[in-house]
Amino acid sequence: MLDLAHLPRKEHGPIIGLALGGGAARGWAHLGVLRALRAEGVEPDVVCGCSIGALVGAAYASGKLDEMTAWTEALDWQGVVGMLDISLKGGLVRGDRVMQYCAKNFIAESFTDLRLPFACVATELSSGREIWLREGNVADAVRASIALPGLIAPALREGRVLVDGGLVNPVPVSLCRAMGAELVIAVDLGSDLVGRPLKRRPKSKQEPPADGWTQRLLAMAGLGNGNAQNVDEEANLPSLAAILTGSINIMQMRIARSRLAGEPADMMITPRVAQLGIMDFDHAAEAIAEGEAAVERARPMLHHLFGREHG
């Protein structure tokens, strides 16, 4: 049960909730969305997130949005490599190194230290149950929400094995409503994903091979040769990395559409970030710019919802 006693009560206007969806590296678009909403005078009262949306949402609720944005914009692929703690136990990456860094620099220690109500979604592996996390250590809760199966190792919390919330609720509008939000703005990163992992985006000489970060991680873990020019390609078949990422995209897109149909937001913002791979964390500037562009495209709806005050 959620304790709603300490949630915001506004004298004027609805309580605004923001539901930030999952999408791995595409989630840096959330930073642009939040920055653009702030420029429009729209400040959420409640923030909920899934996976990368949980990470960005926690930084926002901690009052560290600008600091996280500056860090991501300066992040190159060598920096991404430095954050990876490779492991074959539960996932290709443990995920502890990046969470320790974020906890130190961008995320408040406890939910009670946050400047506004925040919660995130995880999935209980044994039962498939949707788990809402909003008590205790914030970084631990986010760590559970980002545990993408096969890529990031699961998290242990109160005796339960938890994995990515995107398996059950990729864009947590329902959690925003349960947190007391009367008007919910949802950010969906998966609206244009299906089929895109099989299409290649040119990369510079300083970047990883065209097959992307997932292929490189598989090679580092001894599960592939890291080279797109192999027998699969000669047979006109996608690589293992493309199959893996494409399957994840299809799953999360279908789940998101189903959940949003039954639990619609009052407004949808849909950054077009399908050209980014799930591990393209070094392309923050591109993702952030598209997040801002998505809000610009949605300005008429913003004005309709909030009136002349935000015109």
C-alpha atoms as a PDB file:
ATOM      1  CA  MET A   1       0.000   0.000   0.000  1.00  0.00           C
ATOM      2  CA  LEU A   2       1.218   3.503  -0.853  1.00  0.00           C
ATOM      3  CA  ASP A   3       1.110   6.098   1.899  1.00  0.00           C
ATOM      4  CA  LEU A   4      -0.371   9.183   0.265  1.00  0.00           C
ATOM      5  CA  ALA A   5      -0.420  11.345   3.384  1.00  0.00           C
ATOM      6  CA  HIS A   6       2.729  13.300   2.498  1.00  0.00           C
ATOM      7  CA  LEU A   7       2.033  13.760  -1.214  1.00  0.00           C
ATOM      8  CA  PRO A   8       1.657  17.331  -2.552  1.00  0.00           C
ATOM      9  CA  ARG A   9      -1.635  19.145  -2.254  1.00  0.00           C
ATOM     10  CA  LYS A  10      -1.897  22.143  -4.578  1.00  0.00           C
ATOM     11  CA  GLU A  11      -4.139  25.108  -3.991  1.00  0.00           C
ATOM     12  CA  HIS A  12      -4.377  25.836  -7.714  1.00  0.00           C
ATOM     13  CA  GLY A  13      -4.238  23.436 -10.623  1.00  0.00           C
ATOM     14  CA  PRO A  14      -3.960  19.657 -10.831  1.00  0.00           C
ATOM     15  CA  ILE A  15      -1.197  17.551  -9.310  1.00  0.00           C
ATOM     16  CA  ILE A  16       1.055  16.829 -12.281  1.00  0.00           C
ATOM     17  CA  GLY A  17       2.659  13.419 -12.629  1.00  0.00           C
ATOM     18  CA  LEU A  18       5.469  12.508 -15.009  1.00  0.00           C
ATOM     19  CA  ALA A  19       5.900   8.879 -16.127  1.00  0.00           C
ATOM     20  CA  LEU A  20       9.340   8.273 -17.659  1.00  0.00           C
ATOM     21  CA  GLY A  21       9.548   5.118 -19.754  1.00  0.00           C
ATOM     22  CA  GLY A  22      12.346   2.614 -20.225  1.00  0.00           C
ATOM     23  CA  GLY A  23      14.675   2.487 -23.208  1.00  0.00           C
ATOM     24  CA  ALA A  24      18.296   2.006 -22.098  1.00  0.00           C
ATOM     25  CA  ALA A  25      20.606   4.643 -23.676  1.00  0.00           C
ATOM     26  CA  ARG A  26      17.651   6.226 -25.466  1.00  0.00           C
ATOM     27  CA  GLY A  27      16.573   7.360 -22.008  1.00  0.00           C
ATOM     28  CA  TRP A  28      18.941  10.321 -22.094  1.00  0.00           C
ATOM     29  CA  ALA A  29      16.105  11.876 -24.119  1.00  0.00           C
ATOM     30  CA  HIS A  30      14.287  12.231 -20.787  1.00  0.00           C
ATOM     31  CA  LEU A  31      16.870  14.855 -19.813  1.00  0.00           C
ATOM     32  CA  GLY A  32      15.876  16.941 -22.818  1.00  0.00           C
ATOM     33  CA  VAL A  33      12.184  16.432 -22.129  1.00  0.00           C
ATOM     34  CA  LEU A  34      12.543  17.598 -18.530  1.00  0.00           C
ATOM     35  CA  ARG A  35      14.647  20.595 -19.523  1.00  0.00           C
ATOM     36  CA  ALA A  36      12.129  21.623 -22.190  1.00  0.00           C
ATOM     37  CA  LEU A  37       9.140  21.163 -19.872  1.00  0.00           C
ATOM     38  CA  ARG A  38      10.847  23.373 -17.311  1.00  0.00           C
ATOM     39  CA  ALA A  39      11.349  26.031 -20.011  1.00  0.00           C
ATOM     40  CA  GLU A  40       7.602  25.805 -20.721  1.00  0.00           C
ATOM     41  CA  GLY A  41       6.858  26.378 -17.045  1.00  0.00           C
ATOM     42  CA  VAL A  42       5.677  22.819 -16.453  1.00  0.00           C
ATOM     43  CA  GLU A  43       7.116  21.352 -13.247  1.00  0.00           C
ATOM     44  CA  PRO A  44       5.863  17.880 -12.232  1.00  0.00           C
ATOM     45  CA  ASP A  45       4.759  17.305  -8.649  1.00  0.00           C
ATOM     46  CA  VAL A  46       5.234  13.511  -8.825  1.00  0.00           C
ATOM     47  CA  VAL A  47       7.798  11.569 -10.883  1.00  0.00           C
ATOM     48  CA  CYS A  48       7.733   7.850 -11.646  1.00  0.00           C
ATOM     49  CA  GLY A  49      10.164   5.901 -13.785  1.00  0.00           C
ATOM     50  CA  CYS A  50      10.976   2.546 -15.279  1.00  0.00           C
ATOM     51  CA  SER A  51      14.524   1.404 -16.056  1.00  0.00           C
ATOM     52  CA  ILE A  52      16.510   4.374 -17.456  1.00  0.00           C
ATOM     53  CA  GLY A  53      13.457   6.492 -16.686  1.00  0.00           C
ATOM     54  CA  ALA A  54      13.917   5.537 -13.040  1.00  0.00           C
ATOM     55  CA  LEU A  55      17.551   6.690 -13.126  1.00  0.00           C
ATOM     56  CA  VAL A  56      16.740  10.057 -14.702  1.00  0.00           C
ATOM     57  CA  GLY A  57      13.640  10.467 -12.540  1.00  0.00           C
ATOM     58  CA  ALA A  58      15.635   9.850  -9.376  1.00  0.00           C
ATOM     59  CA  ALA A  59      18.168  12.507 -10.386  1.00  0.00           C
ATOM     60  CA  TYR A  60      15.355  14.961 -11.097  1.00  0.00           C
ATOM     61  CA  ALA A  61      13.659  14.252  -7.779  1.00  0.00           C
ATOM     62  CA  SER A  62      17.048  14.741  -6.108  1.00  0.00           C
ATOM     63  CA  GLY A  63      17.453  18.196  -7.662  1.00  0.00           C
ATOM     64  CA  LYS A  64      20.432  17.054  -9.762  1.00  0.00           C
ATOM     65  CA  LEU A  65      19.029  17.187 -13.294  1.00  0.00           C
ATOM     66  CA  ASP A  66      21.525  19.774 -14.572  1.00  0.00           C
ATOM     67  CA  GLU A  67      24.475  17.900 -13.079  1.00  0.00           C
ATOM     68  CA  MET A  68      23.410  14.617 -14.664  1.00  0.00           C
ATOM     69  CA  THR A  69      22.819  16.330 -18.004  1.00  0.00           C
ATOM     70  CA  ALA A  70      26.302  17.851 -18.004  1.00  0.00           C
ATOM     71  CA  TRP A  71      27.841  14.460 -17.163  1.00  0.00           C
ATOM     72  CA  THR A  72      26.012  12.617 -19.930  1.00  0.00           C
ATOM     73  CA  GLU A  73      26.884  15.253 -22.530  1.00  0.00           C
ATOM     74  CA  ALA A  74      30.569  14.851 -21.692  1.00  0.00           C
ATOM     75  CA  LEU A  75      30.433  11.037 -21.741  1.00  0.00           C
ATOM     76  CA  ASP A  76      32.373   9.435 -24.603  1.00  0.00           C
ATOM     77  CA  TRP A  77      32.603   5.745 -25.425  1.00  0.00           C
ATOM     78  CA  GLN A  78      35.805   5.353 -23.417  1.00  0.00           C
ATOM     79  CA  GLY A  79      33.884   6.708 -20.450  1.00  0.00           C
ATOM     80  CA  VAL A  80      31.121   4.197 -21.071  1.00  0.00           C
ATOM     81  CA  VAL A  81      33.676   1.366 -21.110  1.00  0.00           C
ATOM     82  CA  GLY A  82      35.058   2.645 -17.807  1.00  0.00           C
ATOM     83  CA  MET A  83      31.611   2.257 -16.249  1.00  0.00           C
ATOM     84  CA  LEU A  84      31.209  -1.388 -17.290  1.00  0.00           C
ATOM     85  CA  ASP A  85      31.850  -4.105 -14.710  1.00  0.00           C
ATOM     86  CA  ILE A  86      31.719  -7.188 -16.920  1.00  0.00           C
ATOM     87  CA  SER A  87      30.324 -10.345 -15.357  1.00  0.00           C
ATOM     88  CA  LEU A  88      28.666 -13.569 -16.501  1.00  0.00           C
ATOM     89  CA  LYS A  89      26.756 -14.028 -13.261  1.00  0.00           C
ATOM     90  CA  GLY A  90      23.167 -13.017 -13.917  1.00  0.00           C
ATOM     91  CA  GLY A  91      24.036 -10.645 -16.760  1.00  0.00           C
ATOM     92  CA  LEU A  92      26.824  -9.354 -18.965  1.00  0.00           C
ATOM     93  CA  VAL A  93      27.232  -6.342 -16.660  1.00  0.00           C
ATOM     94  CA  ARG A  94      26.855  -6.196 -12.869  1.00  0.00           C
ATOM     95  CA  GLY A  95      25.743  -2.567 -12.975  1.00  0.00           C
ATOM     96  CA  ASP A  96      27.215  -1.712  -9.580  1.00  0.00           C
ATOM     97  CA  ARG A  97      29.916   0.667 -10.828  1.00  0.00           C
ATOM     98  CA  VAL A  98      27.593   3.043 -12.648  1.00  0.00           C
ATOM     99  CA  MET A  99      25.051   2.993  -9.815  1.00  0.00           C
ATOM    100  CA  GLN A 100      27.723   3.812  -7.241  1.00  0.00           C
ATOM    101  CA  TYR A 101      28.813   6.772  -9.354  1.00  0.00           C
ATOM    102  CA  CYS A 102      25.255   8.018  -9.818  1.00  0.00           C
ATOM    103  CA  ALA A 103      24.443   7.523  -6.139  1.00  0.00           C
ATOM    104  CA  LYS A 104      27.457   9.624  -5.186  1.00  0.00           C
ATOM    105  CA  ASN A 105      26.827  12.434  -7.658  1.00  0.00           C
ATOM    106  CA  PHE A 106      23.168  12.594  -8.699  1.00  0.00           C
ATOM    107  CA  ILE A 107      20.859  10.633  -6.406  1.00  0.00           C
ATOM    108  CA  ALA A 108      19.751  11.348  -2.835  1.00  0.00           C
ATOM    109  CA  GLU A 109      20.412   8.555  -0.362  1.00  0.00           C
ATOM    110  CA  SER A 110      16.878   7.958   0.892  1.00  0.00           C
ATOM    111  CA  PHE A 111      13.408   8.471  -0.543  1.00  0.00           C
ATOM    112  CA  THR A 112      12.739  10.752   2.420  1.00  0.00           C
ATOM    113  CA  ASP A 113      15.554  13.054   1.224  1.00  0.00           C
ATOM    114  CA  LEU A 114      14.003  13.677  -2.207  1.00  0.00           C
ATOM    115  CA  ARG A 115      12.575  17.095  -3.025  1.00  0.00           C
ATOM    116  CA  LEU A 116       9.393  15.592  -4.484  1.00  0.00           C
ATOM    117  CA  PRO A 117       7.639  12.199  -4.472  1.00  0.00           C
ATOM    118  CA  PHE A 118       9.315   9.574  -6.666  1.00  0.00           C
ATOM    119  CA  ALA A 119       8.794   5.864  -7.276  1.00  0.00           C
ATOM    120  CA  CYS A 120      10.047   3.302  -9.749  1.00  0.00           C
ATOM    121  CA  VAL A 121       8.976  -0.062 -11.143  1.00  0.00           C
ATOM    122  CA  ALA A 122      10.717  -3.436 -11.025  1.00  0.00           C
ATOM    123  CA  THR A 123       9.626  -7.003 -11.779  1.00  0.00           C
ATOM    124  CA  GLU A 124       9.803  -9.918  -9.348  1.00  0.00           C
ATOM    125  CA  LEU A 125      11.535 -12.658 -11.327  1.00  0.00           C
ATOM    126  CA  SER A 126       9.969 -15.609  -9.509  1.00  0.00           C
ATOM    127  CA  SER A 127       6.353 -14.515  -9.943  1.00  0.00           C
ATOM    128  CA  GLY A 128       6.320 -11.876 -12.688  1.00  0.00           C
ATOM    129  CA  ARG A 129       4.665  -9.455 -10.277  1.00  0.00           C
ATOM    130  CA  GLU A 130       5.004  -5.707 -10.783  1.00  0.00           C
ATOM    131  CA  ILE A 131       6.840  -4.207  -7.799  1.00  0.00           C
ATOM    132  CA  TRP A 132       6.548  -0.526  -6.868  1.00  0.00           C
ATOM    133  CA  LEU A 133       9.621   0.805  -5.065  1.00  0.00           C
ATOM    134  CA  ARG A 134       9.460   4.018  -3.025  1.00  0.00           C
ATOM    135  CA  GLU A 135      11.052   3.298   0.333  1.00  0.00           C
ATOM    136  CA  GLY A 136      14.583   2.923   1.612  1.00  0.00           C
ATOM    137  CA  ASN A 137      17.700   3.586  -0.442  1.00  0.00           C
ATOM    138  CA  VAL A 138      16.933   5.314  -3.747  1.00  0.00           C
ATOM    139  CA  ALA A 139      19.950   3.970  -5.655  1.00  0.00           C
ATOM    140  CA  ASP A 140      19.087   0.392  -4.630  1.00  0.00           C
ATOM    141  CA  ALA A 141      15.553   0.843  -5.960  1.00  0.00           C
ATOM    142  CA  VAL A 142      16.815   2.286  -9.249  1.00  0.00           C
ATOM    143  CA  ARG A 143      19.372  -0.535  -9.524  1.00  0.00           C
ATOM    144  CA  ALA A 144      16.496  -3.040  -9.446  1.00  0.00           C
ATOM    145  CA  SER A 145      14.481  -1.125 -12.026  1.00  0.00           C
ATOM    146  CA  ILE A 146      17.334  -1.011 -14.586  1.00  0.00           C
ATOM    147  CA  ALA A 147      18.265  -4.725 -14.406  1.00  0.00           C
ATOM    148  CA  LEU A 148      17.572  -5.530 -18.075  1.00  0.00           C
ATOM    149  CA  PRO A 149      17.535  -9.365 -18.334  1.00  0.00           C
ATOM    150  CA  GLY A 150      20.663 -10.756 -19.927  1.00  0.00           C
ATOM    151  CA  LEU A 151      22.457  -7.421 -19.919  1.00  0.00           C
ATOM    152  CA  ILE A 152      22.456  -6.199 -16.289  1.00  0.00           C
ATOM    153  CA  ALA A 153      22.440  -8.646 -13.392  1.00  0.00           C
ATOM    154  CA  PRO A 154      19.257  -8.859 -11.262  1.00  0.00           C
ATOM    155  CA  ALA A 155      19.054  -7.096  -7.907  1.00  0.00           C
ATOM    156  CA  LEU A 156      18.340  -8.708  -4.558  1.00  0.00           C
ATOM    157  CA  ARG A 157      15.927  -6.717  -2.401  1.00  0.00           C
ATOM    158  CA  GLU A 158      14.255  -8.021   0.749  1.00  0.00           C
ATOM    159  CA  GLY A 159      14.854 -11.601  -0.323  1.00  0.00           C
ATOM    160  CA  ARG A 160      13.364 -11.106  -3.786  1.00  0.00           C
ATOM    161  CA  VAL A 161      15.160 -11.267  -7.136  1.00  0.00           C
ATOM    162  CA  LEU A 162      14.137  -8.172  -9.101  1.00  0.00           C
ATOM    163  CA  VAL A 163      14.682  -7.331 -12.759  1.00  0.00           C
ATOM    164  CA  ASP A 164      13.799  -4.499 -15.136  1.00  0.00           C
ATOM    165  CA  GLY A 165      10.368  -2.971 -14.667  1.00  0.00           C
ATOM    166  CA  GLY A 166       9.968  -2.797 -18.440  1.00  0.00           C
ATOM    167  CA  LEU A 167       8.877  -6.432 -18.431  1.00  0.00           C
ATOM    168  CA  VAL A 168       5.578  -5.430 -16.837  1.00  0.00           C
ATOM    169  CA  ASN A 169       5.104  -1.646 -17.015  1.00  0.00           C
ATOM    170  CA  PRO A 170       7.478   0.166 -19.407  1.00  0.00           C
ATOM    171  CA  VAL A 171       5.745   3.558 -19.036  1.00  0.00           C
ATOM    172  CA  PRO A 172       4.399   3.654 -15.459  1.00  0.00           C
ATOM    173  CA  VAL A 173       1.311   5.841 -15.811  1.00  0.00           C
ATOM    174  CA  SER A 174      -0.580   3.632 -13.340  1.00  0.00           C
ATOM    175  CA  LEU A 175       2.064   4.248 -10.667  1.00  0.00           C
ATOM    176  CA  CYS A 176       1.763   8.013 -11.181  1.00  0.00           C
ATOM    177  CA  ARG A 177      -1.988   7.768 -10.653  1.00  0.00           C
ATOM    178  CA  ALA A 178      -1.487   5.689  -7.505  1.00  0.00           C
ATOM    179  CA  MET A 179       0.954   8.335  -6.244  1.00  0.00           C
ATOM    180  CA  GLY A 180      -1.815  10.935  -6.398  1.00  0.00           C
ATOM    181  CA  ALA A 181      -1.222  12.515  -9.818  1.00  0.00           C
ATOM    182  CA  GLU A 182      -4.362  14.021 -11.310  1.00  0.00           C
ATOM    183  CA  LEU A 183      -2.814  14.819 -14.698  1.00  0.00           C
ATOM    184  CA  VAL A 184      -0.135  12.533 -16.116  1.00  0.00           C
ATOM    185  CA  ILE A 185       2.405  13.327 -18.823  1.00  0.00           C
ATOM    186  CA  ALA A 186       4.027  10.141 -20.147  1.00  0.00           C
ATOM    187  CA  VAL A 187       7.289   9.880 -22.089  1.00  0.00           C
ATOM    188  CA  ASP A 188       7.418   6.805 -24.332  1.00  0.00           C
ATOM    189  CA  LEU A 189      10.793   6.015 -25.935  1.00  0.00           C
ATOM    190  CA  GLY A 190       9.585   3.022 -27.948  1.00  0.00           C
ATOM    191  CA  SER A 191       7.082   4.469 -30.396  1.00  0.00           C
ATOM    192  CA  ASP A 192       9.324   3.967 -33.461  1.00  0.00           C
ATOM    193  CA  LEU A 193      11.559   1.078 -32.450  1.00  0.00           C
ATOM    194  CA  VAL A 194      10.401  -2.076 -34.217  1.00  0.00           C
ATOM    195  CA  GLY A 195      12.748  -3.092 -37.032  1.00  0.00           C
ATOM    196  CA  ARG A 196      15.275  -0.332 -36.396  1.00  0.00           C
ATOM    197  CA  PRO A 197      18.066  -2.455 -34.821  1.00  0.00           C
ATOM    198  CA  LEU A 198      18.542  -4.150 -38.210  1.00  0.00           C
ATOM    199  CA  LYS A 199      19.271  -0.786 -39.799  1.00  0.00           C
ATOM    200  CA  ARG A 200      22.736   0.641 -39.382  1.00  0.00           C
ATOM    201  CA  ARG A 201      23.738   4.153 -38.425  1.00  0.00           C
ATOM    202  CA  PRO A 202      27.171   5.398 -39.582  1.00  0.00           C
ATOM    203  CA  LYS A 203      29.668   5.768 -36.762  1.00  0.00           C
ATOM    204  CA  SER A 204      32.935   7.663 -36.571  1.00  0.00           C
ATOM    205  CA  LYS A 205      36.328   6.003 -36.529  1.00  0.00           C
ATOM    206  CA  GLN A 206      36.549   6.632 -32.788  1.00  0.00           C
ATOM    207  CA  GLU A 207      33.405   4.632 -32.021  1.00  0.00           C
ATOM    208  CA  PRO A 208      32.748   0.885 -31.649  1.00  0.00           C
ATOM    209  CA  PRO A 209      31.948  -1.243 -34.720  1.00  0.00           C
ATOM    210  CA  ALA A 210      28.664  -0.736 -36.529  1.00  0.00           C
ATOM    211  CA  ASP A 211      26.986  -3.677 -34.813  1.00  0.00           C
ATOM    212  CA  GLY A 212      27.119  -1.573 -31.669  1.00  0.00           C
ATOM    213  CA  TRP A 213      27.652  -1.990 -27.973  1.00  0.00           C
ATOM    214  CA  THR A 214      25.656  -5.163 -27.467  1.00  0.00           C
ATOM    215  CA  GLN A 215      27.804  -7.050 -29.971  1.00  0.00           C
ATOM    216  CA  ARG A 216      30.951  -5.723 -28.303  1.00  0.00           C
ATOM    217  CA  LEU A 217      29.733  -6.793 -24.865  1.00  0.00           C
ATOM    218  CA  LEU A 218      28.946 -10.267 -26.165  1.00  0.00           C
ATOM    219  CA  ALA A 219      32.462 -10.482 -27.566  1.00  0.00           C
ATOM    220  CA  MET A 220      34.020  -9.302 -24.276  1.00  0.00           C
ATOM    221  CA  ALA A 221      32.063 -12.010 -22.479  1.00  0.00           C
ATOM    222  CA  GLY A 222      33.242 -14.673 -24.941  1.00  0.00           C
ATOM    223  CA  LEU A 223      29.835 -15.049 -26.594  1.00  0.00           C
ATOM    224  CA  GLY A 224      30.733 -13.624 -29.991  1.00  0.00           C
ATOM    225  CA  ASN A 225      33.635 -12.431 -32.061  1.00  0.00           C
ATOM    226  CA  GLY A 226      32.655  -8.752 -32.030  1.00  0.00           C
ATOM    227  CA  ASN A 227      32.816  -8.639 -35.843  1.00  0.00           C
ATOM    228  CA  ALA A 228      29.765  -8.039 -37.988  1.00  0.00           C
ATOM    229  CA  GLN A 229      31.494  -9.576 -40.993  1.00  0.00           C
ATOM    230  CA  ASN A 230      30.746 -13.190 -40.148  1.00  0.00           C
ATOM    231  CA  VAL A 231      28.885 -16.152 -41.564  1.00  0.00           C
ATOM    232  CA  ASP A 232      25.515 -14.863 -40.303  1.00  0.00           C
ATOM    233  CA  GLU A 233      25.884 -11.706 -42.320  1.00  0.00           C
ATOM    234  CA  GLU A 234      27.012 -13.656 -45.355  1.00  0.00           C
ATOM    235  CA  ALA A 235      23.782 -15.627 -45.028  1.00  0.00           C
ATOM    236  CA  ASN A 236      21.891 -12.296 -44.875  1.00  0.00           C
ATOM    237  CA  LEU A 237      20.880 -12.892 -41.275  1.00  0.00           C
ATOM    238  CA  PRO A 238      21.112 -10.294 -38.488  1.00  0.00           C
ATOM    239  CA  SER A 239      23.762 -10.641 -35.807  1.00  0.00           C
ATOM    240  CA  LEU A 240      23.099 -12.086 -32.369  1.00  0.00           C
ATOM    241  CA  ALA A 241      23.193  -8.553 -30.983  1.00  0.00           C
ATOM    242  CA  ALA A 242      20.593  -7.324 -33.480  1.00  0.00           C
ATOM    243  CA  ILE A 243      18.319 -10.269 -32.703  1.00  0.00           C
ATOM    244  CA  LEU A 244      18.651  -9.681 -28.954  1.00  0.00           C
ATOM    245  CA  THR A 245      18.000  -5.939 -29.088  1.00  0.00           C
ATOM    246  CA  GLY A 246      15.234  -6.312 -31.658  1.00  0.00           C
ATOM    247  CA  SER A 247      13.462  -8.871 -29.488  1.00  0.00           C
ATOM    248  CA  ILE A 248      13.695  -6.638 -26.422  1.00  0.00           C
ATOM    249  CA  ASN A 249      12.327  -3.712 -28.421  1.00  0.00           C
ATOM    250  CA  ILE A 250       9.347  -5.706 -29.694  1.00  0.00           C
ATOM    251  CA  MET A 251       8.549  -7.014 -26.225  1.00  0.00           C
ATOM    252  CA  GLN A 252       8.661  -3.626 -24.510  1.00  0.00           C
ATOM    253  CA  MET A 253       6.820  -1.830 -27.304  1.00  0.00           C
ATOM    254  CA  ARG A 254       3.960  -4.365 -27.245  1.00  0.00           C
ATOM    255  CA  ILE A 255       3.722  -4.300 -23.448  1.00  0.00           C
ATOM    256  CA  ALA A 256       3.785  -0.497 -23.401  1.00  0.00           C
ATOM    257  CA  ARG A 257       1.013  -0.233 -25.987  1.00  0.00           C
ATOM    258  CA  SER A 258      -1.141  -2.682 -24.066  1.00  0.00           C
ATOM    259  CA  ARG A 259      -0.630  -0.931 -20.719  1.00  0.00           C
ATOM    260  CA  LEU A 260      -1.121   2.559 -22.155  1.00  0.00           C
ATOM    261  CA  ALA A 261      -4.328   1.497 -23.889  1.00  0.00           C
ATOM    262  CA  GLY A 262      -5.808   0.427 -20.562  1.00  0.00           C
ATOM    263  CA  GLU A 263      -4.152   3.151 -18.467  1.00  0.00           C
ATOM    264  CA  PRO A 264      -3.815   6.154 -20.792  1.00  0.00           C
ATOM    265  CA  ALA A 265      -1.870   9.259 -19.931  1.00  0.00           C
ATOM    266  CA  ASP A 266      -3.396  12.703 -20.323  1.00  0.00           C
ATOM    267  CA  MET A 267      -0.539  13.583 -22.667  1.00  0.00           C
ATOM    268  CA  MET A 268       2.113  11.564 -24.512  1.00  0.00           C
ATOM    269  CA  ILE A 269       5.568  12.811 -25.457  1.00  0.00           C
ATOM    270  CA  THR A 270       7.341  10.519 -27.932  1.00  0.00           C
ATOM    271  CA  PRO A 271      11.003  11.267 -28.693  1.00  0.00           C
ATOM    272  CA  ARG A 272      12.175   9.685 -31.954  1.00  0.00           C
ATOM    273  CA  VAL A 273      15.296   7.893 -30.775  1.00  0.00           C
ATOM    274  CA  ALA A 274      15.108   4.521 -32.533  1.00  0.00           C
ATOM    275  CA  GLN A 275      18.380   5.253 -34.328  1.00  0.00           C
ATOM    276  CA  LEU A 276      20.194   4.865 -30.998  1.00  0.00           C
ATOM    277  CA  GLY A 277      21.238   1.442 -29.739  1.00  0.00           C
ATOM    278  CA  ILE A 278      20.547   0.254 -26.223  1.00  0.00           C
ATOM    279  CA  MET A 279      24.182   0.870 -25.221  1.00  0.00           C
ATOM    280  CA  ASP A 280      24.763   4.157 -27.082  1.00  0.00           C
ATOM    281  CA  PHE A 281      25.165   6.054 -23.812  1.00  0.00           C
ATOM    282  CA  ASP A 282      27.855   8.185 -25.467  1.00  0.00           C
ATOM    283  CA  HIS A 283      25.236   9.807 -27.725  1.00  0.00           C
ATOM    284  CA  ALA A 284      23.558  11.861 -25.012  1.00  0.00           C
ATOM    285  CA  ALA A 285      23.637  15.147 -26.939  1.00  0.00           C
ATOM    286  CA  GLU A 286      21.662  13.565 -29.785  1.00  0.00           C
ATOM    287  CA  ALA A 287      19.115  12.012 -27.417  1.00  0.00           C
ATOM    288  CA  ILE A 288      18.724  15.176 -25.332  1.00  0.00           C
ATOM    289  CA  ALA A 289      18.162  17.308 -28.431  1.00  0.00           C
ATOM    290  CA  GLU A 290      15.446  14.933 -29.604  1.00  0.00           C
ATOM    291  CA  GLY A 291      13.824  15.037 -26.163  1.00  0.00           C
ATOM    292  CA  GLU A 292      13.617  18.818 -26.439  1.00  0.00           C
ATOM    293  CA  ALA A 293      12.295  18.534 -29.999  1.00  0.00           C
ATOM    294  CA  ALA A 294       9.591  16.110 -28.827  1.00  0.00           C
ATOM    295  CA  VAL A 295       8.345  18.666 -26.308  1.00  0.00           C
ATOM    296  CA  GLU A 296       8.366  21.347 -29.017  1.00  0.00           C
ATOM    297  CA  ARG A 297       6.181  19.112 -31.195  1.00  0.00           C
ATOM    298  CA  ALA A 298       3.843  18.649 -28.230  1.00  0.00           C
ATOM    299  CA  ARG A 299       3.564  22.363 -27.361  1.00  0.00           C
ATOM    300  CA  PRO A 300      -0.012  22.721 -28.697  1.00  0.00           C
ATOM    301  CA  MET A 301      -1.142  19.935 -26.372  1.00  0.00           C
ATOM    302  CA  LEU A 302       0.756  21.466 -23.465  1.00  0.00           C
ATOM    303  CA  HIS A 303      -1.032  24.759 -24.052  1.00  0.00           C
ATOM    304  CA  HIS A 304      -4.362  22.975 -24.298  1.00  0.00           C
ATOM    305  CA  LEU A 305      -3.804  21.191 -20.975  1.00  0.00           C
ATOM    306  CA  PHE A 306      -2.387  24.104 -19.022  1.00  0.00           C
ATOM    307  CA  GLY A 307      -3.992  27.100 -20.671  1.00  0.00           C
ATOM    308  CA  ARG A 308      -2.555  30.509 -21.375  1.00  0.00           C
ATOM    309  CA  GLU A 309      -0.351  30.334 -18.298  1.00  0.00           C
ATOM    310  CA  HIS A 310       2.038  28.173 -20.354  1.00  0.00           C
ATOM    311  CA  GLY A 311       1.426  29.767 -23.725  1.00  0.00           C
END
